[in-house]
Amino acid sequence: GGIAAFRFMQRAQHIGKVIIQIPSAIAPPHTDDAQRHEATPADRQTDGCYVITGGLGGLGLLVADWLVDEGAKHIVLLSRRGKPPPSIETSAIWQKLTAPVPHRKTNVQVHCMPCDVSDRQACADLLDKLRAKLPSHPV
């Protein structure tokens, strides 16, 4: 990790640069750090469905973009209305996430759904809808 890299640099035994590799956030858990750092893109849990509450806000869209960079293929953006406002639809990040298949760089599918996450029953209903809509992609 980062601490070990800084300690290595303190000893001044390196020549040139020290490279720190940040492990994937969607890689499956491993039993030790060595296995976690050796996880390849093929090891990542890209077939899952990632649900982001507040997904149509600025932070939610940044998280969605980051998940796409990590290899996620199915992302559900939740908001109370369930559809992006015009200001979001014209943003560069929205264009990147929802570009038509020939123009986008990944095979991500972004789904916008309405849900009040403070309502337990609404959340349960949403999960049922997701299981029906994306049966082969665990939430």
N, C-alpha and C. Protein backbone atom coordinates (compact mmCIF):
# COMPACT_ATOMS: atom_id res chain seq x y z
N GLY A 1 0.80 -1.18 0.00
CA GLY A 1 0.00 0.00 0.00
C GLY A 1 0.86 1.25 0.00
N GLY A 2 0.20 2.36 0.21
CA GLY A 2 0.85 3.66 0.20
C GLY A 2 1.86 3.84 1.30
N ILE A 3 1.56 3.36 2.49
CA ILE A 3 2.48 3.51 3.63
C ILE A 3 3.79 2.77 3.36
N ALA A 4 3.67 1.55 2.87
CA ALA A 4 4.87 0.76 2.57
C ALA A 4 5.71 1.45 1.49
N ALA A 5 5.06 2.08 0.51
CA ALA A 5 5.79 2.77 -0.55
C ALA A 5 6.57 3.96 0.01
N PHE A 6 5.94 4.71 0.90
CA PHE A 6 6.65 5.85 1.49
C PHE A 6 7.81 5.40 2.36
N ARG A 7 7.63 4.31 3.09
CA ARG A 7 8.74 3.79 3.90
C ARG A 7 9.89 3.32 3.00
N PHE A 8 9.54 2.71 1.89
CA PHE A 8 10.55 2.26 0.93
C PHE A 8 11.32 3.46 0.38
N MET A 9 10.62 4.54 0.08
CA MET A 9 11.28 5.75 -0.43
C MET A 9 12.15 6.40 0.65
N GLN A 10 11.74 6.33 1.91
CA GLN A 10 12.54 6.91 2.99
C GLN A 10 13.91 6.25 3.09
N ARG A 11 13.96 4.95 2.81
CA ARG A 11 15.23 4.23 2.90
C ARG A 11 16.17 4.61 1.77
N ALA A 12 15.66 5.26 0.73
CA ALA A 12 16.47 5.72 -0.41
C ALA A 12 17.25 4.59 -1.06
N GLN A 13 16.64 3.43 -1.16
CA GLN A 13 17.29 2.29 -1.80
C GLN A 13 16.76 2.04 -3.20
N HIS A 14 15.91 2.90 -3.67
CA HIS A 14 15.33 2.71 -5.00
C HIS A 14 16.07 3.57 -6.03
N ILE A 15 15.91 3.16 -7.27
CA ILE A 15 16.50 3.91 -8.38
C ILE A 15 15.33 4.37 -9.24
N GLY A 16 15.14 5.64 -9.36
CA GLY A 16 14.05 6.14 -10.20
C GLY A 16 12.75 6.27 -9.44
N LYS A 17 11.69 5.78 -10.03
CA LYS A 17 10.35 5.99 -9.50
C LYS A 17 9.85 4.79 -8.73
N VAL A 18 8.92 5.04 -7.82
CA VAL A 18 8.23 3.99 -7.08
C VAL A 18 6.78 4.02 -7.55
N ILE A 19 6.27 2.89 -7.97
CA ILE A 19 4.92 2.80 -8.50
C ILE A 19 4.02 2.15 -7.46
N ILE A 20 2.89 2.78 -7.21
CA ILE A 20 1.90 2.23 -6.29
C ILE A 20 0.71 1.78 -7.13
N GLN A 21 0.31 0.54 -6.97
CA GLN A 21 -0.85 0.02 -7.69
C GLN A 21 -2.03 -0.02 -6.73
N ILE A 22 -3.09 0.68 -7.09
CA ILE A 22 -4.28 0.71 -6.27
C ILE A 22 -5.17 -0.46 -6.71
N PRO A 23 -5.55 -1.33 -5.77
CA PRO A 23 -6.37 -2.49 -6.16
C PRO A 23 -7.77 -2.06 -6.58
N SER A 24 -8.39 -2.88 -7.38
CA SER A 24 -9.75 -2.61 -7.85
C SER A 24 -10.72 -2.64 -6.69
N ALA A 25 -11.67 -1.74 -6.72
CA ALA A 25 -12.69 -1.70 -5.68
C ALA A 25 -13.76 -2.77 -5.90
N ILE A 26 -13.86 -3.32 -7.10
CA ILE A 26 -14.89 -4.34 -7.34
C ILE A 26 -14.28 -5.72 -7.55
N ALA A 27 -13.02 -5.88 -7.17
CA ALA A 27 -12.41 -7.21 -7.21
C ALA A 27 -12.96 -8.03 -6.05
N PRO A 28 -13.14 -9.32 -6.24
CA PRO A 28 -13.66 -10.13 -5.14
C PRO A 28 -12.66 -10.15 -3.98
N PRO A 29 -13.16 -10.29 -2.77
CA PRO A 29 -12.25 -10.33 -1.62
C PRO A 29 -11.35 -11.56 -1.68
N HIS A 30 -10.10 -11.36 -1.30
CA HIS A 30 -9.14 -12.46 -1.26
C HIS A 30 -8.67 -12.64 0.18
N THR A 31 -7.97 -13.71 0.40
CA THR A 31 -7.56 -14.01 1.77
C THR A 31 -6.35 -13.22 2.21
N ASP A 32 -5.52 -12.78 1.29
CA ASP A 32 -4.36 -12.00 1.71
C ASP A 32 -4.09 -10.86 0.73
N ASP A 33 -3.24 -9.94 1.14
CA ASP A 33 -2.96 -8.76 0.32
C ASP A 33 -2.31 -9.09 -1.01
N ALA A 34 -1.48 -10.13 -1.04
CA ALA A 34 -0.80 -10.49 -2.29
C ALA A 34 -1.82 -10.88 -3.35
N GLN A 35 -2.82 -11.67 -2.98
CA GLN A 35 -3.85 -12.06 -3.94
C GLN A 35 -4.67 -10.86 -4.38
N ARG A 36 -4.97 -9.93 -3.46
CA ARG A 36 -5.77 -8.76 -3.79
C ARG A 36 -5.06 -7.90 -4.82
N HIS A 37 -3.75 -7.73 -4.69
CA HIS A 37 -3.00 -6.90 -5.63
C HIS A 37 -2.82 -7.58 -6.98
N GLU A 38 -2.95 -8.91 -7.01
CA GLU A 38 -2.78 -9.64 -8.27
C GLU A 38 -4.10 -9.81 -9.02
N ALA A 39 -5.19 -9.26 -8.50
CA ALA A 39 -6.48 -9.39 -9.18
C ALA A 39 -6.42 -8.68 -10.54
N THR A 40 -6.89 -9.38 -11.54
CA THR A 40 -6.90 -8.84 -12.90
C THR A 40 -8.31 -8.37 -13.24
N PRO A 41 -8.48 -7.62 -14.32
CA PRO A 41 -9.83 -7.21 -14.70
C PRO A 41 -10.79 -8.40 -14.87
N ALA A 42 -10.28 -9.55 -15.26
CA ALA A 42 -11.14 -10.72 -15.42
C ALA A 42 -11.66 -11.23 -14.07
N ASP A 43 -10.94 -10.92 -12.98
CA ASP A 43 -11.36 -11.35 -11.65
C ASP A 43 -12.43 -10.45 -11.05
N ARG A 44 -12.65 -9.30 -11.64
CA ARG A 44 -13.58 -8.33 -11.06
C ARG A 44 -15.01 -8.79 -11.19
N GLN A 45 -15.84 -8.36 -10.28
CA GLN A 45 -17.24 -8.74 -10.26
C GLN A 45 -18.04 -7.80 -11.17
N THR A 46 -17.77 -7.88 -12.45
CA THR A 46 -18.39 -6.95 -13.39
C THR A 46 -19.80 -7.36 -13.77
N ASP A 47 -20.21 -8.59 -13.47
CA ASP A 47 -21.54 -9.02 -13.86
C ASP A 47 -22.59 -8.60 -12.86
N GLY A 48 -22.20 -8.05 -11.73
CA GLY A 48 -23.14 -7.60 -10.73
C GLY A 48 -23.85 -6.33 -11.14
N CYS A 49 -24.88 -6.00 -10.41
CA CYS A 49 -25.63 -4.78 -10.64
C CYS A 49 -25.34 -3.84 -9.46
N TYR A 50 -24.84 -2.66 -9.76
CA TYR A 50 -24.45 -1.70 -8.73
C TYR A 50 -25.53 -0.62 -8.64
N VAL A 51 -26.08 -0.46 -7.44
CA VAL A 51 -27.15 0.50 -7.20
C VAL A 51 -26.57 1.72 -6.48
N ILE A 52 -26.81 2.89 -7.05
CA ILE A 52 -26.31 4.13 -6.47
C ILE A 52 -27.49 5.01 -6.07
N THR A 53 -27.64 5.24 -4.76
CA THR A 53 -28.69 6.15 -4.32
C THR A 53 -28.22 7.58 -4.56
N GLY A 54 -29.15 8.44 -4.93
CA GLY A 54 -28.76 9.79 -5.32
C GLY A 54 -27.94 9.77 -6.60
N GLY A 55 -28.23 8.78 -7.43
CA GLY A 55 -27.42 8.51 -8.61
C GLY A 55 -27.44 9.59 -9.67
N LEU A 56 -28.45 10.46 -9.65
CA LEU A 56 -28.52 11.50 -10.67
C LEU A 56 -27.98 12.83 -10.18
N GLY A 57 -27.40 12.83 -8.99
CA GLY A 57 -26.71 14.02 -8.49
C GLY A 57 -25.26 14.01 -8.95
N GLY A 58 -24.55 15.05 -8.65
CA GLY A 58 -23.15 15.17 -9.08
C GLY A 58 -22.28 14.05 -8.54
N LEU A 59 -22.38 13.76 -7.25
CA LEU A 59 -21.56 12.70 -6.66
C LEU A 59 -21.96 11.32 -7.17
N GLY A 60 -23.27 11.10 -7.33
CA GLY A 60 -23.74 9.82 -7.84
C GLY A 60 -23.23 9.54 -9.24
N LEU A 61 -23.22 10.56 -10.09
CA LEU A 61 -22.72 10.38 -11.45
C LEU A 61 -21.21 10.13 -11.46
N LEU A 62 -20.49 10.80 -10.57
CA LEU A 62 -19.05 10.54 -10.48
C LEU A 62 -18.76 9.12 -10.02
N VAL A 63 -19.56 8.62 -9.06
CA VAL A 63 -19.39 7.24 -8.61
C VAL A 63 -19.71 6.27 -9.75
N ALA A 64 -20.77 6.56 -10.50
CA ALA A 64 -21.13 5.71 -11.65
C ALA A 64 -20.00 5.69 -12.67
N ASP A 65 -19.43 6.83 -12.96
CA ASP A 65 -18.33 6.93 -13.92
C ASP A 65 -17.13 6.13 -13.42
N TRP A 66 -16.84 6.24 -12.14
CA TRP A 66 -15.73 5.49 -11.55
C TRP A 66 -15.99 3.98 -11.64
N LEU A 67 -17.24 3.54 -11.37
CA LEU A 67 -17.57 2.12 -11.49
C LEU A 67 -17.40 1.63 -12.92
N VAL A 68 -17.74 2.45 -13.89
CA VAL A 68 -17.54 2.09 -15.29
C VAL A 68 -16.05 1.90 -15.56
N ASP A 69 -15.23 2.81 -15.04
CA ASP A 69 -13.78 2.69 -15.20
C ASP A 69 -13.24 1.43 -14.54
N GLU A 70 -13.89 0.99 -13.46
CA GLU A 70 -13.49 -0.23 -12.77
C GLU A 70 -13.99 -1.49 -13.48
N GLY A 71 -14.90 -1.34 -14.44
CA GLY A 71 -15.36 -2.49 -15.22
C GLY A 71 -16.80 -2.90 -14.98
N ALA A 72 -17.56 -2.14 -14.20
CA ALA A 72 -18.96 -2.49 -13.95
C ALA A 72 -19.75 -2.45 -15.25
N LYS A 73 -20.69 -3.38 -15.40
CA LYS A 73 -21.48 -3.47 -16.63
C LYS A 73 -22.94 -3.06 -16.44
N HIS A 74 -23.45 -3.10 -15.20
CA HIS A 74 -24.85 -2.76 -14.93
C HIS A 74 -24.90 -1.82 -13.74
N ILE A 75 -25.39 -0.62 -13.97
CA ILE A 75 -25.47 0.39 -12.92
C ILE A 75 -26.90 0.91 -12.87
N VAL A 76 -27.45 0.98 -11.67
CA VAL A 76 -28.78 1.53 -11.46
C VAL A 76 -28.63 2.83 -10.69
N LEU A 77 -29.12 3.91 -11.28
CA LEU A 77 -29.07 5.21 -10.64
C LEU A 77 -30.45 5.50 -10.05
N LEU A 78 -30.50 5.65 -8.73
CA LEU A 78 -31.77 5.92 -8.06
C LEU A 78 -31.92 7.41 -7.79
N SER A 79 -33.15 7.87 -7.94
CA SER A 79 -33.51 9.22 -7.54
C SER A 79 -35.00 9.20 -7.24
N ARG A 80 -35.47 10.23 -6.62
CA ARG A 80 -36.91 10.26 -6.30
C ARG A 80 -37.77 10.33 -7.56
N ARG A 81 -37.30 11.06 -8.58
CA ARG A 81 -38.07 11.18 -9.82
C ARG A 81 -37.79 10.05 -10.80
N GLY A 82 -36.59 9.50 -10.78
CA GLY A 82 -36.26 8.39 -11.65
C GLY A 82 -35.82 8.74 -13.05
N LYS A 83 -35.73 10.03 -13.35
CA LYS A 83 -35.23 10.43 -14.66
C LYS A 83 -34.36 11.66 -14.48
N PRO A 84 -33.35 11.78 -15.31
CA PRO A 84 -32.43 12.92 -15.15
C PRO A 84 -33.06 14.23 -15.61
N PRO A 85 -32.77 15.31 -14.90
CA PRO A 85 -33.24 16.62 -15.37
C PRO A 85 -32.46 17.02 -16.62
N PRO A 86 -32.97 17.98 -17.39
CA PRO A 86 -32.30 18.41 -18.63
C PRO A 86 -30.84 18.83 -18.42
N SER A 87 -30.54 19.44 -17.27
CA SER A 87 -29.16 19.87 -17.03
C SER A 87 -28.21 18.69 -16.94
N ILE A 88 -28.68 17.56 -16.44
CA ILE A 88 -27.86 16.35 -16.36
C ILE A 88 -27.75 15.69 -17.73
N GLU A 89 -28.86 15.65 -18.45
CA GLU A 89 -28.87 15.00 -19.77
C GLU A 89 -27.89 15.64 -20.75
N THR A 90 -27.59 16.90 -20.56
CA THR A 90 -26.66 17.58 -21.46
C THR A 90 -25.22 17.57 -20.96
N SER A 91 -24.99 17.01 -19.77
CA SER A 91 -23.64 17.01 -19.20
C SER A 91 -22.75 15.98 -19.89
N ALA A 92 -21.45 16.23 -19.87
CA ALA A 92 -20.49 15.33 -20.51
C ALA A 92 -20.48 13.96 -19.85
N ILE A 93 -20.59 13.92 -18.55
CA ILE A 93 -20.54 12.62 -17.85
C ILE A 93 -21.77 11.78 -18.20
N TRP A 94 -22.94 12.41 -18.34
CA TRP A 94 -24.15 11.67 -18.73
C TRP A 94 -24.00 11.15 -20.16
N GLN A 95 -23.45 11.97 -21.04
CA GLN A 95 -23.23 11.55 -22.41
C GLN A 95 -22.29 10.35 -22.46
N LYS A 96 -21.27 10.36 -21.62
CA LYS A 96 -20.33 9.25 -21.58
C LYS A 96 -21.01 7.97 -21.09
N LEU A 97 -21.85 8.09 -20.06
CA LEU A 97 -22.50 6.91 -19.48
C LEU A 97 -23.58 6.32 -20.38
N THR A 98 -24.23 7.16 -21.18
CA THR A 98 -25.39 6.71 -21.95
C THR A 98 -25.19 6.79 -23.45
N ALA A 99 -23.97 6.91 -23.91
CA ALA A 99 -23.72 7.00 -25.35
C ALA A 99 -24.24 5.75 -26.06
N PRO A 100 -24.69 5.88 -27.30
CA PRO A 100 -25.13 4.70 -28.05
C PRO A 100 -23.98 3.70 -28.18
N VAL A 101 -24.33 2.44 -28.31
CA VAL A 101 -23.36 1.36 -28.30
C VAL A 101 -22.16 1.57 -29.22
N PRO A 102 -22.30 1.99 -30.47
CA PRO A 102 -21.10 2.12 -31.30
C PRO A 102 -20.14 3.22 -30.82
N HIS A 103 -20.65 4.20 -30.07
CA HIS A 103 -19.83 5.34 -29.68
C HIS A 103 -19.23 5.24 -28.29
N ARG A 104 -19.77 4.37 -27.45
CA ARG A 104 -19.23 4.31 -26.09
C ARG A 104 -18.07 3.34 -26.01
N LYS A 105 -17.26 3.53 -25.00
CA LYS A 105 -16.04 2.74 -24.87
C LYS A 105 -16.25 1.45 -24.09
N THR A 106 -17.37 1.33 -23.38
CA THR A 106 -17.64 0.13 -22.59
C THR A 106 -19.03 -0.40 -22.91
N ASN A 107 -19.34 -1.56 -22.38
CA ASN A 107 -20.66 -2.17 -22.59
C ASN A 107 -21.57 -1.94 -21.39
N VAL A 108 -21.41 -0.85 -20.70
CA VAL A 108 -22.20 -0.58 -19.50
C VAL A 108 -23.66 -0.30 -19.87
N GLN A 109 -24.56 -0.78 -19.02
CA GLN A 109 -25.98 -0.46 -19.15
C GLN A 109 -26.37 0.34 -17.92
N VAL A 110 -26.86 1.55 -18.15
CA VAL A 110 -27.26 2.43 -17.06
C VAL A 110 -28.77 2.48 -17.02
N HIS A 111 -29.32 2.18 -15.84
CA HIS A 111 -30.77 2.19 -15.64
C HIS A 111 -31.11 3.27 -14.62
N CYS A 112 -32.06 4.13 -14.93
CA CYS A 112 -32.53 5.14 -13.99
C CYS A 112 -33.88 4.67 -13.44
N MET A 113 -33.99 4.64 -12.12
CA MET A 113 -35.23 4.17 -11.50
C MET A 113 -35.62 5.08 -10.35
N PRO A 114 -36.93 5.29 -10.18
CA PRO A 114 -37.37 6.11 -9.05
C PRO A 114 -37.44 5.27 -7.77
N CYS A 115 -37.00 5.85 -6.66
CA CYS A 115 -37.11 5.17 -5.38
C CYS A 115 -36.83 6.16 -4.26
N ASP A 116 -37.68 6.15 -3.26
CA ASP A 116 -37.44 6.92 -2.04
C ASP A 116 -36.77 5.96 -1.06
N VAL A 117 -35.48 6.09 -0.89
CA VAL A 117 -34.73 5.12 -0.08
C VAL A 117 -35.04 5.22 1.41
N SER A 118 -35.81 6.23 1.81
CA SER A 118 -36.23 6.30 3.22
C SER A 118 -37.47 5.44 3.47
N ASP A 119 -38.04 4.89 2.42
CA ASP A 119 -39.23 4.04 2.51
C ASP A 119 -38.82 2.58 2.31
N ARG A 120 -38.92 1.81 3.37
CA ARG A 120 -38.49 0.40 3.34
C ARG A 120 -39.21 -0.40 2.27
N GLN A 121 -40.52 -0.22 2.16
CA GLN A 121 -41.29 -0.98 1.19
C GLN A 121 -40.90 -0.60 -0.24
N ALA A 122 -40.63 0.68 -0.47
CA ALA A 122 -40.20 1.13 -1.80
C ALA A 122 -38.87 0.47 -2.17
N CYS A 123 -37.97 0.33 -1.21
CA CYS A 123 -36.68 -0.33 -1.46
C CYS A 123 -36.88 -1.81 -1.76
N ALA A 124 -37.75 -2.47 -0.99
CA ALA A 124 -38.02 -3.89 -1.23
C ALA A 124 -38.63 -4.09 -2.62
N ASP A 125 -39.56 -3.21 -2.99
CA ASP A 125 -40.17 -3.29 -4.33
C ASP A 125 -39.13 -3.07 -5.42
N LEU A 126 -38.23 -2.13 -5.20
CA LEU A 126 -37.17 -1.86 -6.17
C LEU A 126 -36.29 -3.09 -6.36
N LEU A 127 -35.90 -3.73 -5.27
CA LEU A 127 -35.06 -4.92 -5.39
C LEU A 127 -35.78 -6.03 -6.13
N ASP A 128 -37.08 -6.18 -5.89
CA ASP A 128 -37.86 -7.18 -6.64
C ASP A 128 -37.87 -6.86 -8.13
N LYS A 129 -38.05 -5.57 -8.47
CA LYS A 129 -38.03 -5.17 -9.88
C LYS A 129 -36.68 -5.45 -10.52
N LEU A 130 -35.61 -5.16 -9.77
CA LEU A 130 -34.26 -5.40 -10.31
C LEU A 130 -34.01 -6.88 -10.54
N ARG A 131 -34.45 -7.71 -9.61
CA ARG A 131 -34.27 -9.16 -9.78
C ARG A 131 -35.03 -9.67 -11.00
N ALA A 132 -36.20 -9.09 -11.27
CA ALA A 132 -36.98 -9.49 -12.44
C ALA A 132 -36.37 -8.94 -13.73
N LYS A 133 -35.89 -7.70 -13.68
CA LYS A 133 -35.34 -7.04 -14.86
C LYS A 133 -33.96 -7.56 -15.23
N LEU A 134 -33.14 -7.85 -14.23
CA LEU A 134 -31.75 -8.31 -14.44
C LEU A 134 -31.50 -9.60 -13.66
N PRO A 135 -32.18 -10.70 -14.03
CA PRO A 135 -32.09 -11.91 -13.21
C PRO A 135 -30.70 -12.53 -13.11
N SER A 136 -29.87 -12.35 -14.12
CA SER A 136 -28.54 -12.97 -14.09
C SER A 136 -27.47 -12.05 -13.53
N HIS A 137 -27.88 -10.90 -12.99
CA HIS A 137 -26.92 -9.94 -12.45
C HIS A 137 -27.27 -9.64 -10.99
N PRO A 138 -26.58 -10.27 -10.03
CA PRO A 138 -26.94 -10.06 -8.62
C PRO A 138 -26.73 -8.61 -8.20
N VAL A 139 -27.63 -8.15 -7.34
CA VAL A 139 -27.56 -6.77 -6.83
C VAL A 139 -26.61 -6.74 -5.65
